[in-house]
Each structure stands twice: as C-alpha cells, then as structure tokens.
C-alpha cells in the first residue's frame, strides 16, 4: 500500500523547522496533534533529536503514519496515539505541543476543546506551536485563502479558516501568552505560545 503523501507538508517543513528548533529548544517531549500523513513527524523527530516526538491522530490515519515511521524511523519518534479532540487525551503531560493544518479542518467546538486539552496537559513554561492559515480582523489575508475557505466548506460545513483574534482569546483563557506570530510562506502563519 502506498504511503499517504502531502505536497504541502513537504513544502512547508523546511520553513517550520527553524522555528521549532528555537521554540522547543528546552523541551524534552512534543505531542503532535493531528499528525496526518506522518511526514512532519519523521522529519522533525530526526532534526530535533533531544525531544521525544509523540504522534497522534484519529485511528483512521494511524496506518499511514506508521508507514512513514517504518520507512524513516528515529529512536525518539513514537507511533501514534488515538487522539480525538472530543474525548479525553491519552497522555498525562508534555513540555510542548505542535499541530499543523488542523484548526481549520475541525469544527470550532473542537478548536475550543483543543485549547481545553492544552490547558490540562501542557506543562508550565511549555510551548505550543500552531501552523496554518488565519484571518485577521475577520478578513482573509489573500484571495487564495478565500478560495481555500470555499473548498473547506464544501468538504465540511463546520470547517473554516479561524480568526486569529478568536484563537488568541481561547489561548489566553487557557493561560497561554503569545510569544510570536510568525509569518510563513503560502499565506500561512505559525503561532508560538508559552504556558504561564
């Protein structure tokens, strides 16, 4: 069976890596939420050898993630946990959390649940990094993002590009402080938070 493949993941991983190297420099464990194909996990775990990289996703995606891990193993890379944002997380605590291209896929209700989970499981002074597209002051940052929103709504009516300000409010309620809003290629952002 062919491994799942995301061209976007291949394109953006080299731009995300330098930020994670800095943000997770003192972390010893990273929980990746929504590991998707597994491409980010195998790349980042190899480059961030000082952390235990824990993949996670809905069970339906585990086969693909495990195929990537089998082909590109690292001693610090763990097979996926079954993590559904609507249910309790299968971990105790972690010193860092990373997620890419998830908040616009899941419903807003699950975005709220995501931050509730972060509040419960991210250790003090832990870092949270969220990669993906965001709107600012209710407006799209590009025509391509506006078109992407239309496509998302066709896939699932509860999906959609989230407003930065609404996400920031949820983060602050969870005890997080924004460290930096990193501008990324292809009209994406990487939001870096610290748990106070």
Protein backbone atom coordinates (compact mmCIF):
# COMPACT_ATOMS: atom_id res chain seq x y z
CA UNK A 1 0.00 0.00 0.00
CA UNK A 2 1.34 3.41 -0.95
CA UNK A 3 2.08 5.81 1.87
CA UNK A 4 -0.17 8.87 2.10
CA UNK A 5 1.58 11.97 0.79
CA UNK A 6 1.01 15.69 1.24
CA UNK A 7 2.89 18.05 -1.07
CA UNK A 8 2.08 20.93 1.29
CA UNK A 9 3.81 19.09 4.16
CA UNK A 10 6.91 18.60 2.02
CA UNK A 11 6.89 22.27 1.06
CA UNK A 12 6.40 23.78 4.50
CA UNK A 13 8.50 21.53 6.75
CA UNK A 14 11.79 23.28 5.94
CA UNK A 15 10.27 26.66 6.84
CA UNK A 16 8.69 25.39 10.07
CA UNK A 17 11.81 23.58 11.34
CA UNK A 18 13.93 26.64 12.34
CA UNK A 19 11.06 27.98 14.45
CA UNK A 20 10.53 24.64 16.20
CA UNK A 21 14.27 24.30 16.83
CA UNK A 22 14.14 27.59 18.73
CA UNK A 23 10.72 27.18 20.34
CA UNK A 24 11.32 23.61 21.51
CA UNK A 25 14.99 24.02 22.43
CA UNK A 26 14.38 23.26 26.13
CA UNK A 27 11.53 20.76 25.63
CA UNK A 28 12.03 17.05 26.22
CA UNK A 29 8.67 15.88 24.87
CA UNK A 30 6.46 17.03 22.00
CA UNK A 31 2.90 15.91 21.40
CA UNK A 32 1.96 16.36 17.74
CA UNK A 33 -1.81 16.64 17.40
CA UNK A 34 -3.21 15.63 14.04
CA UNK A 35 -0.07 14.00 12.62
CA UNK A 36 -1.89 13.45 9.31
CA UNK A 37 0.32 11.62 6.85
CA UNK A 38 3.25 11.43 9.30
CA UNK A 39 5.62 13.41 7.07
CA UNK A 40 6.19 16.20 9.57
CA UNK A 41 6.79 13.73 12.38
CA UNK A 42 9.55 11.77 10.66
CA UNK A 43 11.28 14.97 9.53
CA UNK A 44 11.06 16.93 12.78
CA UNK A 45 11.92 14.00 15.06
CA UNK A 46 15.17 13.43 13.18
CA UNK A 47 16.08 17.13 13.35
CA UNK A 48 15.02 17.54 17.00
CA UNK A 49 16.83 14.56 18.45
CA UNK A 50 16.63 15.91 22.03
CA UNK A 51 12.84 15.52 22.23
CA UNK A 52 10.56 12.51 22.40
CA UNK A 53 8.20 13.14 19.47
CA UNK A 54 4.78 11.62 20.10
CA UNK A 55 2.49 11.38 17.08
CA UNK A 56 -1.29 11.31 17.43
CA UNK A 57 -4.38 11.37 15.25
CA UNK A 58 -7.74 9.73 14.74
CA UNK A 59 -7.34 5.96 14.43
CA UNK A 60 -8.26 6.06 10.72
CA UNK A 61 -4.96 7.85 9.97
CA UNK A 62 -2.65 5.59 12.00
CA UNK A 63 -1.80 3.18 9.18
CA UNK A 64 -0.33 5.93 7.02
CA UNK A 65 1.60 7.49 9.91
CA UNK A 66 3.04 4.08 10.82
CA UNK A 67 4.13 3.53 7.21
CA UNK A 68 6.18 6.74 7.30
CA UNK A 69 7.65 5.86 10.70
CA UNK A 70 8.59 2.39 9.47
CA UNK A 71 10.40 3.84 6.45
CA UNK A 72 12.08 6.71 8.32
CA UNK A 73 12.48 5.52 11.93
CA UNK A 74 14.05 7.55 14.71
CA UNK A 75 14.68 6.35 18.24
CA UNK A 76 12.85 9.41 19.60
CA UNK A 77 9.78 9.00 17.33
CA UNK A 78 6.74 7.26 18.79
CA UNK A 79 3.85 5.50 16.99
CA UNK A 80 0.56 7.38 17.03
CA UNK A 81 -1.80 7.61 19.94
CA UNK A 82 -5.53 7.63 19.21
CA UNK A 83 -6.44 11.22 20.00
CA UNK A 84 -9.92 12.58 19.37
CA UNK A 85 -10.35 16.20 20.46
CA UNK A 86 -13.90 15.44 21.62
CA UNK A 87 -12.60 12.90 24.14
CA UNK A 88 -10.01 12.87 26.98
CA UNK A 89 -6.43 12.91 25.73
CA UNK A 90 -4.42 9.67 26.18
CA UNK A 91 -1.45 11.39 27.85
CA UNK A 92 -0.58 12.93 31.20
CA UNK A 93 1.66 15.90 30.47
CA UNK A 94 4.02 17.15 27.79
CA UNK A 95 6.51 20.01 27.62
CA UNK A 96 5.50 21.03 24.08
CA UNK A 97 2.56 20.66 21.69
CA UNK A 98 2.67 21.05 17.91
CA UNK A 99 -0.17 21.00 15.42
CA UNK A 100 -0.29 21.87 11.72
CA UNK A 101 -3.28 22.49 9.48
CA UNK A 102 -5.82 21.22 11.99
CA UNK A 103 -7.77 24.17 13.40
CA UNK A 104 -9.38 24.98 10.05
CA UNK A 105 -10.33 21.33 9.48
CA UNK A 106 -12.07 20.60 12.77
CA UNK A 107 -15.20 22.36 13.97
CA UNK A 108 -14.99 25.46 16.17
CA UNK A 109 -16.35 23.34 19.02
CA UNK A 110 -13.28 21.11 18.67
CA UNK A 111 -10.97 24.14 18.49
CA UNK A 112 -12.35 25.09 21.92
CA UNK A 113 -11.78 21.51 23.09
CA UNK A 114 -8.23 21.64 21.75
CA UNK A 115 -7.34 24.59 23.98
CA UNK A 116 -9.04 22.94 26.97
CA UNK A 117 -6.77 19.96 26.38
CA UNK A 118 -3.72 22.19 26.07
CA UNK A 119 -4.57 23.81 29.40
CA UNK A 120 -4.83 20.41 31.06
CA UNK A 121 -1.78 18.69 29.58
CA UNK A 122 0.86 21.32 28.70
CA UNK A 123 3.42 21.74 31.48
CA UNK A 124 4.20 25.20 32.95
CA UNK A 125 6.58 27.13 30.65
CA UNK A 126 5.72 24.63 27.93
CA UNK A 127 5.42 25.79 24.33
CA UNK A 128 2.53 25.45 21.88
CA UNK A 129 3.10 25.95 18.14
CA UNK A 130 0.16 26.10 15.72
CA UNK A 131 0.76 26.22 11.97
CA UNK A 132 -1.84 27.11 9.36
CA UNK A 133 -3.85 29.92 7.75
CA UNK A 134 -5.63 32.54 9.86
CA UNK A 135 -7.87 35.50 9.22
CA UNK A 136 -7.19 38.88 10.82
CA UNK A 137 -9.98 41.21 11.91
CA UNK A 138 -12.41 38.90 10.13
CA UNK A 139 -10.70 39.27 6.76
CA UNK A 140 -8.80 36.84 4.54
CA UNK A 141 -5.12 37.62 4.06
CA UNK A 142 -5.20 36.55 0.39
CA UNK A 143 -7.52 35.58 -2.43
CA UNK A 144 -6.09 32.05 -2.31
CA UNK A 145 -7.14 31.74 1.34
CA UNK A 146 -10.66 32.95 0.46
CA UNK A 147 -10.85 30.27 -2.24
CA UNK A 148 -9.47 27.70 0.21
CA UNK A 149 -12.26 28.58 2.63
CA UNK A 150 -14.87 27.85 -0.06
CA UNK A 151 -13.24 24.48 -0.71
CA UNK A 152 -13.15 23.69 3.02
CA UNK A 153 -16.86 24.45 3.40
CA UNK A 154 -17.60 22.09 0.51
CA UNK A 155 -15.75 19.31 2.35
CA UNK A 156 -17.40 20.00 5.70
CA UNK A 157 -19.64 22.90 6.62
CA UNK A 158 -18.10 23.26 10.10
CA UNK A 159 -14.57 23.67 8.72
CA UNK A 160 -13.13 27.11 8.02
CA UNK A 161 -10.15 29.40 8.43
CA UNK A 162 -10.20 30.70 12.02
CA UNK A 163 -9.93 34.29 13.16
CA UNK A 164 -6.59 35.00 14.83
CA UNK A 165 -8.28 37.15 17.47
CA UNK A 166 -10.73 34.38 18.45
CA UNK A 167 -7.91 31.84 18.69
CA UNK A 168 -5.86 34.27 20.78
CA UNK A 169 -8.79 34.70 23.18
CA UNK A 170 -9.05 30.92 23.65
CA UNK A 171 -5.30 30.67 24.17
CA UNK A 172 -5.30 33.41 26.80
CA UNK A 173 -8.22 31.75 28.62
CA UNK A 174 -6.07 28.59 28.71
CA UNK A 175 -3.26 30.54 30.42
CA UNK A 176 -1.11 30.92 27.31
CA UNK A 177 0.79 34.02 26.20
CA UNK A 178 1.61 34.70 22.55
CA UNK A 179 5.37 34.72 22.04
CA UNK A 180 5.31 35.48 18.32
CA UNK A 181 3.05 35.35 15.29
CA UNK A 182 5.47 34.11 12.63
CA UNK A 183 4.75 34.95 9.00
CA UNK A 184 5.18 31.87 6.80
CA UNK A 185 5.13 31.16 3.04
CA UNK A 186 1.89 30.49 1.13
CA UNK A 187 -0.18 32.85 3.31
CA UNK A 188 0.24 30.73 6.43
CA UNK A 189 1.29 31.64 9.98
CA UNK A 190 2.93 29.88 12.89
CA UNK A 191 1.59 30.97 16.26
CA UNK A 192 4.03 30.37 19.12
CA UNK A 193 2.65 30.40 22.66
CA UNK A 194 4.12 29.78 26.12
CA UNK A 195 2.17 28.35 29.04
CA UNK A 196 2.45 30.70 32.01
